[in-house]
Structures are given as structure tokens and as C-alpha cells.
Amino acid sequence: MNSAPAPAPPTTETLSVPEGTVLKLELTTALASDTSKAGGAVSARVAEAVRVNDKVVIPAGAVAKGEVVEAERSGRVKGRARLAFRFTELTLSGAAHPIDTRAIALEAEAGT
């Protein structure tokens, strides 16, 4: 009987991305202060690979998912439109990983 040796199990490595690392993302979900709702889903694609010690730890094209945390449409008399969202998950090689990011908040400029 000719039996080949069993393949070695895949190795895994835990890597941390330093706090403060900027992820360049391209939104793939349309967002607007007048149509988005708090708790609504938001997704984006990583536009530029993230490297730690010259090793790619987040490849371009990875998918980030999160949620809208605030959406306020502008008022007729006062109040500016405001929209805030954050990402909570990053999918790499088909596996979802939790991430912790600060909210991205946008506010309309004051009217004239």
C-alpha cells in the first residue's frame, strides 16, 4: 500500500494592527442623512493594503462592515444634517473578524 504522509496542518498567526492605524476605505453602501437610519448596515472595501512590519495584514479588497450610529436630516429653520457610522467587522480570506473603530461623523456646513 502506498500512503503519502499526511499534509501538515495549516499554521495560523495572530497579528495586531497598531491603534491609530488608518484604513483607507471605499464605501459600498449609499449613505445619506435623510435616508439612512441609526442601526442600518454600512459596508466598505479596503482601498489600500495595511502593512505591519512590511507584512500585509489587511489586503486591499477586504470587506469592512458596520452600522450607522446617527442620522439626522437638516431642519427647515435650524439644525445641520449629521451622519455618523462605524465599522465593527473585517472579512479576510472569507473569515469575519471583530474590529473596534471610532465613529466617522460628518456634518453639513452651515447655510448662508
PDB file of N, CA and C in Angstrom:
ATOM      1  N   MET A   1       0.836  -1.166   0.000  1.00  0.00           N
ATOM      2  CA  MET A   1       0.000   0.000   0.000  1.00  0.00           C
ATOM      3  C   MET A   1       0.887   1.238   0.000  1.00  0.00           C
ATOM      4  N   ASN A   2       0.562   2.189  -0.830  1.00  0.00           N
ATOM      5  CA  ASN A   2       1.370   3.395  -0.965  1.00  0.00           C
ATOM      6  C   ASN A   2       0.621   4.547  -0.297  1.00  0.00           C
ATOM      7  N   SER A   3       1.051   4.931   0.871  1.00  0.00           N
ATOM      8  CA  SER A   3       0.369   6.042   1.537  1.00  0.00           C
ATOM      9  C   SER A   3       1.330   7.212   1.689  1.00  0.00           C
ATOM     10  N   ALA A   4       0.858   8.328   1.231  1.00  0.00           N
ATOM     11  CA  ALA A   4       1.653   9.558   1.336  1.00  0.00           C
ATOM     12  C   ALA A   4       1.515  10.108   2.742  1.00  0.00           C
ATOM     13  N   PRO A   5       2.533  10.814   3.217  1.00  0.00           N
ATOM     14  CA  PRO A   5       2.418  11.405   4.559  1.00  0.00           C
ATOM     15  C   PRO A   5       1.292  12.436   4.588  1.00  0.00           C
ATOM     16  N   ALA A   6       0.637  12.527   5.717  1.00  0.00           N
ATOM     17  CA  ALA A   6      -0.450  13.497   5.880  1.00  0.00           C
ATOM     18  C   ALA A   6       0.114  14.907   5.769  1.00  0.00           C
ATOM     19  N   PRO A   7      -0.638  15.793   5.100  1.00  0.00           N
ATOM     20  CA  PRO A   7      -0.143  17.165   4.994  1.00  0.00           C
ATOM     21  C   PRO A   7      -0.091  17.834   6.364  1.00  0.00           C
ATOM     22  N   ALA A   8       0.850  18.730   6.512  1.00  0.00           N
ATOM     23  CA  ALA A   8       0.979  19.460   7.783  1.00  0.00           C
ATOM     24  C   ALA A   8      -0.249  20.346   7.962  1.00  0.00           C
ATOM     25  N   PRO A   9      -0.727  20.469   9.197  1.00  0.00           N
ATOM     26  CA  PRO A   9      -1.877  21.353   9.413  1.00  0.00           C
ATOM     27  C   PRO A   9      -1.487  22.795   9.104  1.00  0.00           C
ATOM     28  N   PRO A  10      -2.458  23.593   8.627  1.00  0.00           N
ATOM     29  CA  PRO A  10      -2.125  24.983   8.329  1.00  0.00           C
ATOM     30  C   PRO A  10      -1.711  25.720   9.592  1.00  0.00           C
ATOM     31  N   THR A  11      -0.788  26.625   9.434  1.00  0.00           N
ATOM     32  CA  THR A  11      -0.359  27.411  10.585  1.00  0.00           C
ATOM     33  C   THR A  11      -1.160  28.705  10.622  1.00  0.00           C
ATOM     34  N   THR A  12      -1.439  29.150  11.803  1.00  0.00           N
ATOM     35  CA  THR A  12      -2.123  30.425  11.967  1.00  0.00           C
ATOM     36  C   THR A  12      -1.230  31.346  12.769  1.00  0.00           C
ATOM     37  N   GLU A  13      -1.403  32.593  12.513  1.00  0.00           N
ATOM     38  CA  GLU A  13      -0.591  33.600  13.194  1.00  0.00           C
ATOM     39  C   GLU A  13      -1.509  34.729  13.613  1.00  0.00           C
ATOM     40  N   THR A  14      -1.412  35.145  14.840  1.00  0.00           N
ATOM     41  CA  THR A  14      -2.199  36.265  15.319  1.00  0.00           C
ATOM     42  C   THR A  14      -1.388  37.536  15.141  1.00  0.00           C
ATOM     43  N   LEU A  15      -1.993  38.495  14.462  1.00  0.00           N
ATOM     44  CA  LEU A  15      -1.327  39.776  14.229  1.00  0.00           C
ATOM     45  C   LEU A  15      -2.221  40.887  14.740  1.00  0.00           C
ATOM     46  N   SER A  16      -1.617  41.897  15.284  1.00  0.00           N
ATOM     47  CA  SER A  16      -2.359  43.061  15.752  1.00  0.00           C
ATOM     48  C   SER A  16      -2.007  44.251  14.892  1.00  0.00           C
ATOM     49  N   VAL A  17      -3.027  45.025  14.579  1.00  0.00           N
ATOM     50  CA  VAL A  17      -2.813  46.271  13.859  1.00  0.00           C
ATOM     51  C   VAL A  17      -2.722  47.359  14.922  1.00  0.00           C
ATOM     52  N   PRO A  18      -1.654  48.141  14.907  1.00  0.00           N
ATOM     53  CA  PRO A  18      -1.476  49.159  15.954  1.00  0.00           C
ATOM     54  C   PRO A  18      -2.643  50.145  16.027  1.00  0.00           C
ATOM     55  N   GLU A  19      -2.989  50.532  17.237  1.00  0.00           N
ATOM     56  CA  GLU A  19      -4.020  51.542  17.437  1.00  0.00           C
ATOM     57  C   GLU A  19      -3.627  52.799  16.674  1.00  0.00           C
ATOM     58  N   GLY A  20      -4.596  53.431  16.071  1.00  0.00           N
ATOM     59  CA  GLY A  20      -4.339  54.649  15.317  1.00  0.00           C
ATOM     60  C   GLY A  20      -4.052  54.396  13.843  1.00  0.00           C
ATOM     61  N   THR A  21      -3.970  53.127  13.440  1.00  0.00           N
ATOM     62  CA  THR A  21      -3.743  52.812  12.035  1.00  0.00           C
ATOM     63  C   THR A  21      -4.945  53.287  11.223  1.00  0.00           C
ATOM     64  N   VAL A  22      -4.684  53.957  10.123  1.00  0.00           N
ATOM     65  CA  VAL A  22      -5.744  54.465   9.262  1.00  0.00           C
ATOM     66  C   VAL A  22      -6.062  53.429   8.187  1.00  0.00           C
ATOM     67  N   LEU A  23      -7.344  53.102   8.064  1.00  0.00           N
ATOM     68  CA  LEU A  23      -7.803  52.220   6.994  1.00  0.00           C
ATOM     69  C   LEU A  23      -8.396  53.094   5.898  1.00  0.00           C
ATOM     70  N   LYS A  24      -7.875  52.973   4.693  1.00  0.00           N
ATOM     71  CA  LYS A  24      -8.437  53.711   3.568  1.00  0.00           C
ATOM     72  C   LYS A  24      -9.534  52.848   2.973  1.00  0.00           C
ATOM     73  N   LEU A  25     -10.771  53.335   3.100  1.00  0.00           N
ATOM     74  CA  LEU A  25     -11.939  52.564   2.703  1.00  0.00           C
ATOM     75  C   LEU A  25     -12.724  53.266   1.609  1.00  0.00           C
ATOM     76  N   GLU A  26     -13.376  52.476   0.763  1.00  0.00           N
ATOM     77  CA  GLU A  26     -14.317  52.982  -0.233  1.00  0.00           C
ATOM     78  C   GLU A  26     -15.684  52.447   0.148  1.00  0.00           C
ATOM     79  N   LEU A  27     -16.614  53.346   0.447  1.00  0.00           N
ATOM     80  CA  LEU A  27     -17.951  52.904   0.827  1.00  0.00           C
ATOM     81  C   LEU A  27     -18.597  52.138  -0.318  1.00  0.00           C
ATOM     82  N   THR A  28     -19.276  51.059   0.013  1.00  0.00           N
ATOM     83  CA  THR A  28     -20.036  50.303  -0.975  1.00  0.00           C
ATOM     84  C   THR A  28     -21.527  50.383  -0.656  1.00  0.00           C
ATOM     85  N   THR A  29     -21.866  51.103   0.397  1.00  0.00           N
ATOM     86  CA  THR A  29     -23.247  51.355   0.793  1.00  0.00           C
ATOM     87  C   THR A  29     -23.517  52.837   0.606  1.00  0.00           C
ATOM     88  N   ALA A  30     -24.638  53.159  -0.013  1.00  0.00           N
ATOM     89  CA  ALA A  30     -25.025  54.565  -0.145  1.00  0.00           C
ATOM     90  C   ALA A  30     -25.545  55.050   1.210  1.00  0.00           C
ATOM     91  N   LEU A  31     -25.040  56.193   1.659  1.00  0.00           N
ATOM     92  CA  LEU A  31     -25.468  56.775   2.927  1.00  0.00           C
ATOM     93  C   LEU A  31     -25.931  58.198   2.694  1.00  0.00           C
ATOM     94  N   ALA A  32     -26.957  58.609   3.412  1.00  0.00           N
ATOM     95  CA  ALA A  32     -27.443  59.992   3.345  1.00  0.00           C
ATOM     96  C   ALA A  32     -28.173  60.297   4.642  1.00  0.00           C
ATOM     97  N   SER A  33     -28.031  61.512   5.119  1.00  0.00           N
ATOM     98  CA  SER A  33     -28.643  61.873   6.400  1.00  0.00           C
ATOM     99  C   SER A  33     -30.164  61.829   6.345  1.00  0.00           C
ATOM    100  N   ASP A  34     -30.750  61.969   5.156  1.00  0.00           N
ATOM    101  CA  ASP A  34     -32.210  61.965   5.056  1.00  0.00           C
ATOM    102  C   ASP A  34     -32.798  60.577   4.775  1.00  0.00           C
ATOM    103  N   THR A  35     -31.971  59.591   4.448  1.00  0.00           N
ATOM    104  CA  THR A  35     -32.497  58.254   4.172  1.00  0.00           C
ATOM    105  C   THR A  35     -31.907  57.173   5.077  1.00  0.00           C
ATOM    106  N   SER A  36     -30.727  57.365   5.610  1.00  0.00           N
ATOM    107  CA  SER A  36     -30.103  56.365   6.492  1.00  0.00           C
ATOM    108  C   SER A  36     -30.726  56.442   7.876  1.00  0.00           C
ATOM    109  N   LYS A  37     -30.735  55.318   8.560  1.00  0.00           N
ATOM    110  CA  LYS A  37     -31.290  55.241   9.914  1.00  0.00           C
ATOM    111  C   LYS A  37     -30.265  54.637  10.858  1.00  0.00           C
ATOM    112  N   ALA A  38     -30.261  55.096  12.112  1.00  0.00           N
ATOM    113  CA  ALA A  38     -29.367  54.518  13.121  1.00  0.00           C
ATOM    114  C   ALA A  38     -29.621  53.020  13.193  1.00  0.00           C
ATOM    115  N   GLY A  39     -28.547  52.245  13.230  1.00  0.00           N
ATOM    116  CA  GLY A  39     -28.638  50.795  13.253  1.00  0.00           C
ATOM    117  C   GLY A  39     -28.590  50.174  11.868  1.00  0.00           C
ATOM    118  N   GLY A  40     -28.700  51.003  10.832  1.00  0.00           N
ATOM    119  CA  GLY A  40     -28.631  50.498   9.466  1.00  0.00           C
ATOM    120  C   GLY A  40     -27.236  50.000   9.125  1.00  0.00           C
ATOM    121  N   ALA A  41     -27.174  49.061   8.211  1.00  0.00           N
ATOM    122  CA  ALA A  41     -25.888  48.470   7.819  1.00  0.00           C
ATOM    123  C   ALA A  41     -25.097  49.399   6.917  1.00  0.00           C
ATOM    124  N   VAL A  42     -23.770  49.327   7.049  1.00  0.00           N
ATOM    125  CA  VAL A  42     -22.858  50.055   6.175  1.00  0.00           C
ATOM    126  C   VAL A  42     -21.713  49.108   5.844  1.00  0.00           C
ATOM    127  N   SER A  43     -21.245  49.160   4.612  1.00  0.00           N
ATOM    128  CA  SER A  43     -20.103  48.331   4.243  1.00  0.00           C
ATOM    129  C   SER A  43     -19.157  49.122   3.359  1.00  0.00           C
ATOM    130  N   ALA A  44     -17.915  48.666   3.336  1.00  0.00           N
ATOM    131  CA  ALA A  44     -16.871  49.333   2.564  1.00  0.00           C
ATOM    132  C   ALA A  44     -15.827  48.308   2.159  1.00  0.00           C
ATOM    133  N   ARG A  45     -15.033  48.686   1.182  1.00  0.00           N
ATOM    134  CA  ARG A  45     -13.940  47.838   0.707  1.00  0.00           C
ATOM    135  C   ARG A  45     -12.628  48.540   1.061  1.00  0.00           C
ATOM    136  N   VAL A  46     -11.653  47.782   1.536  1.00  0.00           N
ATOM    137  CA  VAL A  46     -10.338  48.338   1.858  1.00  0.00           C
ATOM    138  C   VAL A  46      -9.671  48.735   0.536  1.00  0.00           C
ATOM    139  N   ALA A  47      -9.329  50.012   0.410  1.00  0.00           N
ATOM    140  CA  ALA A  47      -8.784  50.539  -0.842  1.00  0.00           C
ATOM    141  C   ALA A  47      -7.272  50.361  -0.949  1.00  0.00           C
ATOM    142  N   GLU A  48      -6.607  50.293   0.185  1.00  0.00           N
ATOM    143  CA  GLU A  48      -5.142  50.189   0.195  1.00  0.00           C
ATOM    144  C   GLU A  48      -4.724  49.218   1.282  1.00  0.00           C
ATOM    145  N   ALA A  49      -3.872  48.258   0.926  1.00  0.00           N
ATOM    146  CA  ALA A  49      -3.417  47.251   1.886  1.00  0.00           C
ATOM    147  C   ALA A  49      -2.768  47.906   3.110  1.00  0.00           C
ATOM    148  N   VAL A  50      -2.953  47.261   4.258  1.00  0.00           N
ATOM    149  CA  VAL A  50      -2.339  47.727   5.501  1.00  0.00           C
ATOM    150  C   VAL A  50      -1.189  46.783   5.821  1.00  0.00           C
ATOM    151  N   ARG A  51      -0.032  47.357   6.091  1.00  0.00           N
ATOM    152  CA  ARG A  51       1.166  46.569   6.397  1.00  0.00           C
ATOM    153  C   ARG A  51       1.601  46.811   7.837  1.00  0.00           C
ATOM    154  N   VAL A  52       2.072  45.748   8.460  1.00  0.00           N
ATOM    155  CA  VAL A  52       2.695  45.829   9.781  1.00  0.00           C
ATOM    156  C   VAL A  52       4.028  45.104   9.640  1.00  0.00           C
ATOM    157  N   ASN A  53       5.113  45.799   9.937  1.00  0.00           N
ATOM    158  CA  ASN A  53       6.463  45.235   9.792  1.00  0.00           C
ATOM    159  C   ASN A  53       6.675  44.652   8.387  1.00  0.00           C
ATOM    160  N   ASP A  54       6.311  45.410   7.378  1.00  0.00           N
ATOM    161  CA  ASP A  54       6.467  45.025   5.969  1.00  0.00           C
ATOM    162  C   ASP A  54       5.666  43.796   5.558  1.00  0.00           C
ATOM    163  N   LYS A  55       4.700  43.388   6.368  1.00  0.00           N
ATOM    164  CA  LYS A  55       3.852  42.255   6.027  1.00  0.00           C
ATOM    165  C   LYS A  55       2.420  42.762   5.859  1.00  0.00           C
ATOM    166  N   VAL A  56       1.766  42.361   4.758  1.00  0.00           N
ATOM    167  CA  VAL A  56       0.375  42.756   4.545  1.00  0.00           C
ATOM    168  C   VAL A  56      -0.498  42.002   5.539  1.00  0.00           C
ATOM    169  N   VAL A  57      -1.190  42.752   6.404  1.00  0.00           N
ATOM    170  CA  VAL A  57      -2.077  42.131   7.388  1.00  0.00           C
ATOM    171  C   VAL A  57      -3.544  42.342   7.018  1.00  0.00           C
ATOM    172  N   ILE A  58      -3.831  43.372   6.243  1.00  0.00           N
ATOM    173  CA  ILE A  58      -5.171  43.598   5.712  1.00  0.00           C
ATOM    174  C   ILE A  58      -4.999  43.894   4.222  1.00  0.00           C
ATOM    175  N   PRO A  59      -5.390  42.970   3.368  1.00  0.00           N
ATOM    176  CA  PRO A  59      -5.200  43.187   1.939  1.00  0.00           C
ATOM    177  C   PRO A  59      -6.221  44.158   1.353  1.00  0.00           C
ATOM    178  N   ALA A  60      -5.846  44.842   0.291  1.00  0.00           N
ATOM    179  CA  ALA A  60      -6.797  45.663  -0.451  1.00  0.00           C
ATOM    180  C   ALA A  60      -7.915  44.745  -0.914  1.00  0.00           C
ATOM    181  N   GLY A  61      -9.133  45.237  -0.863  1.00  0.00           N
ATOM    182  CA  GLY A  61     -10.282  44.439  -1.273  1.00  0.00           C
ATOM    183  C   GLY A  61     -10.993  43.750  -0.123  1.00  0.00           C
ATOM    184  N   ALA A  62     -10.368  43.706   1.063  1.00  0.00           N
ATOM    185  CA  ALA A  62     -11.053  43.126   2.225  1.00  0.00           C
ATOM    186  C   ALA A  62     -12.323  43.943   2.483  1.00  0.00           C
ATOM    187  N   VAL A  63     -13.327  43.319   3.072  1.00  0.00           N
ATOM    188  CA  VAL A  63     -14.613  43.979   3.289  1.00  0.00           C
ATOM    189  C   VAL A  63     -14.784  44.352   4.760  1.00  0.00           C
ATOM    190  N   ALA A  64     -15.148  45.607   4.993  1.00  0.00           N
ATOM    191  CA  ALA A  64     -15.447  46.098   6.336  1.00  0.00           C
ATOM    192  C   ALA A  64     -16.958  46.297   6.441  1.00  0.00           C
ATOM    193  N   LYS A  65     -17.535  45.862   7.564  1.00  0.00           N
ATOM    194  CA  LYS A  65     -18.970  46.032   7.790  1.00  0.00           C
ATOM    195  C   LYS A  65     -19.185  46.726   9.118  1.00  0.00           C
ATOM    196  N   GLY A  66     -20.261  47.468   9.204  1.00  0.00           N
ATOM    197  CA  GLY A  66     -20.574  48.168  10.440  1.00  0.00           C
ATOM    198  C   GLY A  66     -21.997  48.676  10.425  1.00  0.00           C
ATOM    199  N   GLU A  67     -22.202  49.781  11.155  1.00  0.00           N
ATOM    200  CA  GLU A  67     -23.556  50.312  11.265  1.00  0.00           C
ATOM    201  C   GLU A  67     -23.569  51.828  11.361  1.00  0.00           C
ATOM    202  N   VAL A  68     -24.697  52.393  10.975  1.00  0.00           N
ATOM    203  CA  VAL A  68     -24.935  53.826  11.138  1.00  0.00           C
ATOM    204  C   VAL A  68     -25.241  54.039  12.617  1.00  0.00           C
ATOM    205  N   VAL A  69     -24.565  54.989  13.245  1.00  0.00           N
ATOM    206  CA  VAL A  69     -24.828  55.248  14.665  1.00  0.00           C
ATOM    207  C   VAL A  69     -25.661  56.508  14.876  1.00  0.00           C
ATOM    208  N   GLU A  70     -25.718  57.370  13.856  1.00  0.00           N
ATOM    209  CA  GLU A  70     -26.535  58.579  13.961  1.00  0.00           C
ATOM    210  C   GLU A  70     -26.859  59.078  12.565  1.00  0.00           C
ATOM    211  N   ALA A  71     -28.103  59.493  12.367  1.00  0.00           N
ATOM    212  CA  ALA A  71     -28.513  60.086  11.092  1.00  0.00           C
ATOM    213  C   ALA A  71     -29.581  61.121  11.386  1.00  0.00           C
ATOM    214  N   GLU A  72     -29.255  62.376  11.148  1.00  0.00           N
ATOM    215  CA  GLU A  72     -30.201  63.472  11.372  1.00  0.00           C
ATOM    216  C   GLU A  72     -30.274  64.308  10.120  1.00  0.00           C
ATOM    217  N   ARG A  73     -31.475  64.461   9.597  1.00  0.00           N
ATOM    218  CA  ARG A  73     -31.628  65.326   8.430  1.00  0.00           C
ATOM    219  C   ARG A  73     -31.639  66.778   8.891  1.00  0.00           C
ATOM    220  N   SER A  74     -31.344  67.680   7.983  1.00  0.00           N
ATOM    221  CA  SER A  74     -31.297  69.092   8.361  1.00  0.00           C
ATOM    222  C   SER A  74     -32.702  69.601   8.627  1.00  0.00           C
ATOM    223  N   GLY A  75     -32.800  70.562   9.571  1.00  0.00           N
ATOM    224  CA  GLY A  75     -34.083  71.168   9.897  1.00  0.00           C
ATOM    225  C   GLY A  75     -34.391  72.308   8.941  1.00  0.00           C
ATOM    226  N   ARG A  76     -35.667  72.648   8.821  1.00  0.00           N
ATOM    227  CA  ARG A  76     -36.049  73.743   7.914  1.00  0.00           C
ATOM    228  C   ARG A  76     -35.551  75.084   8.422  1.00  0.00           C
ATOM    229  N   VAL A  77     -35.612  75.291   9.722  1.00  0.00           N
ATOM    230  CA  VAL A  77     -35.216  76.582  10.272  1.00  0.00           C
ATOM    231  C   VAL A  77     -33.817  76.527  10.850  1.00  0.00           C
ATOM    232  N   LYS A  78     -33.519  75.483  11.599  1.00  0.00           N
ATOM    233  CA  LYS A  78     -32.181  75.359  12.155  1.00  0.00           C
ATOM    234  C   LYS A  78     -31.807  73.897  12.267  1.00  0.00           C
ATOM    235  N   GLY A  79     -30.553  73.662  12.448  1.00  0.00           N
ATOM    236  CA  GLY A  79     -30.059  72.298  12.567  1.00  0.00           C
ATOM    237  C   GLY A  79     -29.423  71.833  11.280  1.00  0.00           C
ATOM    238  N   ARG A  80     -28.215  71.342  11.398  1.00  0.00           N
ATOM    239  CA  ARG A  80     -27.483  70.845  10.239  1.00  0.00           C
ATOM    240  C   ARG A  80     -27.641  69.336  10.119  1.00  0.00           C
ATOM    241  N   ALA A  81     -27.579  68.855   8.908  1.00  0.00           N
ATOM    242  CA  ALA A  81     -27.619  67.416   8.688  1.00  0.00           C
ATOM    243  C   ALA A  81     -26.367  66.796   9.303  1.00  0.00           C
ATOM    244  N   ARG A  82     -26.532  65.597   9.871  1.00  0.00           N
ATOM    245  CA  ARG A  82     -25.414  64.911  10.519  1.00  0.00           C
ATOM    246  C   ARG A  82     -25.553  63.413  10.262  1.00  0.00           C
ATOM    247  N   LEU A  83     -24.406  62.784  10.038  1.00  0.00           N
ATOM    248  CA  LEU A  83     -24.378  61.353   9.782  1.00  0.00           C
ATOM    249  C   LEU A  83     -23.127  60.787  10.431  1.00  0.00           C
ATOM    250  N   ALA A  84     -23.276  59.680  11.158  1.00  0.00           N
ATOM    251  CA  ALA A  84     -22.123  59.038  11.788  1.00  0.00           C
ATOM    252  C   ALA A  84     -22.258  57.526  11.623  1.00  0.00           C
ATOM    253  N   PHE A  85     -21.125  56.869  11.370  1.00  0.00           N
ATOM    254  CA  PHE A  85     -21.117  55.418  11.215  1.00  0.00           C
ATOM    255  C   PHE A  85     -19.788  54.870  11.702  1.00  0.00           C
ATOM    256  N   ARG A  86     -19.772  53.577  12.000  1.00  0.00           N
ATOM    257  CA  ARG A  86     -18.537  52.934  12.460  1.00  0.00           C
ATOM    258  C   ARG A  86     -18.493  51.507  11.935  1.00  0.00           C
ATOM    259  N   PHE A  87     -17.285  50.973  11.890  1.00  0.00           N
ATOM    260  CA  PHE A  87     -17.088  49.619  11.393  1.00  0.00           C
ATOM    261  C   PHE A  87     -16.779  48.688  12.565  1.00  0.00           C
ATOM    262  N   THR A  88     -17.344  47.474  12.498  1.00  0.00           N
ATOM    263  CA  THR A  88     -17.231  46.531  13.606  1.00  0.00           C
ATOM    264  C   THR A  88     -16.710  45.157  13.183  1.00  0.00           C
ATOM    265  N   GLU A  89     -16.561  44.953  11.878  1.00  0.00           N
ATOM    266  CA  GLU A  89     -16.155  43.637  11.387  1.00  0.00           C
ATOM    267  C   GLU A  89     -15.340  43.780  10.108  1.00  0.00           C
ATOM    268  N   LEU A  90     -14.331  42.953   9.979  1.00  0.00           N
ATOM    269  CA  LEU A  90     -13.485  42.932   8.788  1.00  0.00           C
ATOM    270  C   LEU A  90     -13.395  41.494   8.304  1.00  0.00           C
ATOM    271  N   THR A  91     -13.687  41.270   7.029  1.00  0.00           N
ATOM    272  CA  THR A  91     -13.642  39.919   6.470  1.00  0.00           C
ATOM    273  C   THR A  91     -12.348  39.748   5.683  1.00  0.00           C
ATOM    274  N   LEU A  92     -11.548  38.770   6.111  1.00  0.00           N
ATOM    275  CA  LEU A  92     -10.266  38.451   5.483  1.00  0.00           C
ATOM    276  C   LEU A  92     -10.274  36.979   5.098  1.00  0.00           C
ATOM    277  N   SER A  93      -9.971  36.685   3.871  1.00  0.00           N
ATOM    278  CA  SER A  93      -9.918  35.292   3.390  1.00  0.00           C
ATOM    279  C   SER A  93     -11.176  34.517   3.764  1.00  0.00           C
ATOM    280  N   GLY A  94     -12.318  35.168   3.674  1.00  0.00           N
ATOM    281  CA  GLY A  94     -13.590  34.503   3.949  1.00  0.00           C
ATOM    282  C   GLY A  94     -13.973  34.395   5.407  1.00  0.00           C
ATOM    283  N   ALA A  95     -13.119  34.838   6.318  1.00  0.00           N
ATOM    284  CA  ALA A  95     -13.417  34.755   7.752  1.00  0.00           C
ATOM    285  C   ALA A  95     -13.647  36.154   8.324  1.00  0.00           C
ATOM    286  N   ALA A  96     -14.725  36.306   9.088  1.00  0.00           N
ATOM    287  CA  ALA A  96     -15.046  37.597   9.710  1.00  0.00           C
ATOM    288  C   ALA A  96     -14.303  37.744  11.030  1.00  0.00           C
ATOM    289  N   HIS A  97     -13.748  38.936  11.252  1.00  0.00           N
ATOM    290  CA  HIS A  97     -13.007  39.243  12.473  1.00  0.00           C
ATOM    291  C   HIS A  97     -13.574  40.527  13.078  1.00  0.00           C
ATOM    292  N   PRO A  98     -13.837  40.551  14.390  1.00  0.00           N
ATOM    293  CA  PRO A  98     -14.324  41.779  15.008  1.00  0.00           C
ATOM    294  C   PRO A  98     -13.225  42.842  15.031  1.00  0.00           C
ATOM    295  N   ILE A  99     -13.622  44.074  14.794  1.00  0.00           N
ATOM    296  CA  ILE A  99     -12.685  45.199  14.904  1.00  0.00           C
ATOM    297  C   ILE A  99     -13.356  46.290  15.724  1.00  0.00           C
ATOM    298  N   ASP A 100     -12.556  47.182  16.264  1.00  0.00           N
ATOM    299  CA  ASP A 100     -13.056  48.278  17.076  1.00  0.00           C
ATOM    300  C   ASP A 100     -12.560  49.573  16.448  1.00  0.00           C
ATOM    301  N   THR A 101     -13.478  50.352  15.913  1.00  0.00           N
ATOM    302  CA  THR A 101     -13.093  51.611  15.269  1.00  0.00           C
ATOM    303  C   THR A 101     -13.856  52.773  15.895  1.00  0.00           C
ATOM    304  N   ARG A 102     -13.298  53.946  15.722  1.00  0.00           N
ATOM    305  CA  ARG A 102     -14.003  55.156  16.134  1.00  0.00           C
ATOM    306  C   ARG A 102     -15.063  55.474  15.090  1.00  0.00           C
ATOM    307  N   ALA A 103     -16.128  56.138  15.514  1.00  0.00           N
ATOM    308  CA  ALA A 103     -17.170  56.545  14.576  1.00  0.00           C
ATOM    309  C   ALA A 103     -16.638  57.636  13.652  1.00  0.00           C
ATOM    310  N   ILE A 104     -17.088  57.598  12.431  1.00  0.00           N
ATOM    311  CA  ILE A 104     -16.791  58.634  11.448  1.00  0.00           C
ATOM    312  C   ILE A 104     -18.029  59.518  11.417  1.00  0.00           C
ATOM    313  N   ALA A 105     -17.895  60.778  11.803  1.00  0.00           N
ATOM    314  CA  ALA A 105     -19.029  61.685  11.885  1.00  0.00           C
ATOM    315  C   ALA A 105     -18.876  62.797  10.850  1.00  0.00           C
ATOM    316  N   LEU A 106     -19.944  63.044  10.116  1.00  0.00           N
ATOM    317  CA  LEU A 106     -19.961  64.093   9.096  1.00  0.00           C
ATOM    318  C   LEU A 106     -21.113  65.035   9.404  1.00  0.00           C
ATOM    319  N   GLU A 107     -20.862  66.345   9.245  1.00  0.00           N
ATOM    320  CA  GLU A 107     -21.907  67.329   9.490  1.00  0.00           C
ATOM    321  C   GLU A 107     -21.908  68.336   8.357  1.00  0.00           C
ATOM    322  N   ALA A 108     -23.101  68.663   7.876  1.00  0.00           N
ATOM    323  CA  ALA A 108     -23.239  69.623   6.782  1.00  0.00           C
ATOM    324  C   ALA A 108     -22.735  70.992   7.227  1.00  0.00           C
ATOM    325  N   GLU A 109     -22.242  71.745   6.268  1.00  0.00           N
ATOM    326  CA  GLU A 109     -21.800  73.110   6.569  1.00  0.00           C
ATOM    327  C   GLU A 109     -23.004  73.977   6.869  1.00  0.00           C
ATOM    328  N   ALA A 110     -22.784  75.053   7.625  1.00  0.00           N
ATOM    329  CA  ALA A 110     -23.866  75.983   7.937  1.00  0.00           C
ATOM    330  C   ALA A 110     -24.341  76.659   6.661  1.00  0.00           C
ATOM    331  N   GLY A 111     -25.659  76.829   6.546  1.00  0.00           N
ATOM    332  CA  GLY A 111     -26.238  77.510   5.381  1.00  0.00           C
ATOM    333  C   GLY A 111     -25.955  78.997   5.424  1.00  0.00           C
ATOM    334  N   THR A 112     -26.158  79.640   4.316  1.00  0.00           N
ATOM    335  CA  THR A 112     -25.916  81.086   4.264  1.00  0.00           C
ATOM    336  C   THR A 112     -27.188  81.853   4.404  1.00  0.00           C
TER     337      THR A 112
END
